[in-house]
């Protein structure tokens, strides 16, 4: 039970952090409607999520490495 609660807590913190830093933007696009008593079909709210696009790639670079001289103590 603690494990499930811990996972749920981590998920909430990650989603909250993503929203706080602007990586995830969630806005409601349609209001919810409760079903009528005559058992008619209701509607669920609709959401649109804009997520930041991240591009990952590789490139070759030449890096100069300094020469190090090691001397043993006498």
Protein backbone atom coordinates (compact mmCIF):
# COMPACT_ATOMS: atom_id res chain seq x y z
CA UNK A 1 0.00 0.00 0.00
CA UNK A 2 2.85 2.38 0.82
CA UNK A 3 4.52 1.58 -2.48
CA UNK A 4 1.42 2.51 -4.49
CA UNK A 5 1.00 5.71 -2.46
CA UNK A 6 4.67 6.55 -3.06
CA UNK A 7 4.34 6.02 -6.81
CA UNK A 8 1.22 8.16 -6.89
CA UNK A 9 2.99 10.90 -4.94
CA UNK A 10 6.00 10.84 -7.31
CA UNK A 11 3.68 11.05 -10.34
CA UNK A 12 1.84 14.03 -8.86
CA UNK A 13 5.12 15.81 -8.09
CA UNK A 14 6.47 15.18 -11.61
CA UNK A 15 3.31 16.45 -13.32
CA UNK A 16 3.16 19.46 -10.99
CA UNK A 17 6.82 20.24 -11.68
CA UNK A 18 6.32 19.97 -15.43
CA UNK A 19 3.38 22.36 -15.23
CA UNK A 20 5.31 24.78 -12.98
CA UNK A 21 8.27 24.97 -15.39
CA UNK A 22 6.05 25.35 -18.45
CA UNK A 23 6.85 21.95 -19.94
CA UNK A 24 3.21 20.91 -19.79
CA UNK A 25 0.19 23.14 -20.34
CA UNK A 26 -3.27 21.67 -19.77
CA UNK A 27 -6.40 23.66 -20.48
CA UNK A 28 -10.03 22.57 -20.42
CA UNK A 29 -11.68 22.89 -23.84
CA UNK A 30 -15.20 21.72 -22.98
CA UNK A 31 -17.21 21.78 -19.74
CA UNK A 32 -18.50 18.58 -18.18
CA UNK A 33 -22.22 17.85 -18.18
CA UNK A 34 -23.85 15.53 -15.68
CA UNK A 35 -26.18 12.94 -17.12
CA UNK A 36 -29.90 13.60 -16.73
CA UNK A 37 -32.05 11.52 -14.39
CA UNK A 38 -33.74 9.96 -17.41
CA UNK A 39 -30.47 8.05 -17.97
CA UNK A 40 -29.34 10.09 -20.93
CA UNK A 41 -25.75 10.03 -22.02
CA UNK A 42 -23.56 12.72 -20.47
CA UNK A 43 -20.34 14.26 -21.80
CA UNK A 44 -16.89 14.13 -20.33
CA UNK A 45 -14.70 17.23 -20.28
CA UNK A 46 -12.22 17.56 -23.14
CA UNK A 47 -8.63 18.68 -22.58
CA UNK A 48 -5.85 19.78 -24.91
CA UNK A 49 -2.25 19.36 -23.73
CA UNK A 50 0.64 21.29 -25.32
CA UNK A 51 3.92 19.55 -24.51
CA UNK A 52 7.38 21.03 -25.15
CA UNK A 53 9.15 19.45 -28.14
CA UNK A 54 12.67 18.24 -27.34
CA UNK A 55 15.10 17.35 -30.11
CA UNK A 56 18.08 15.14 -29.28
CA UNK A 57 21.02 14.58 -31.59
CA UNK A 58 24.74 13.94 -31.77
CA UNK A 59 27.66 15.81 -33.28
CA UNK A 60 31.42 15.27 -33.56
CA UNK A 61 33.73 17.75 -31.84
CA UNK A 62 37.51 17.96 -31.60
CA UNK A 63 38.71 18.81 -28.12
CA UNK A 64 42.30 19.68 -27.28
CA UNK A 65 43.51 17.83 -24.20
CA UNK A 66 46.45 19.29 -22.23
CA UNK A 67 49.59 17.23 -21.85
CA UNK A 68 50.36 16.20 -18.27
CA UNK A 69 53.85 15.26 -17.11
CA UNK A 70 54.09 12.93 -14.11
CA UNK A 71 57.32 12.81 -12.15
CA UNK A 72 58.09 10.30 -9.42
CA UNK A 73 59.54 11.70 -6.22
CA UNK A 74 63.20 10.91 -5.71
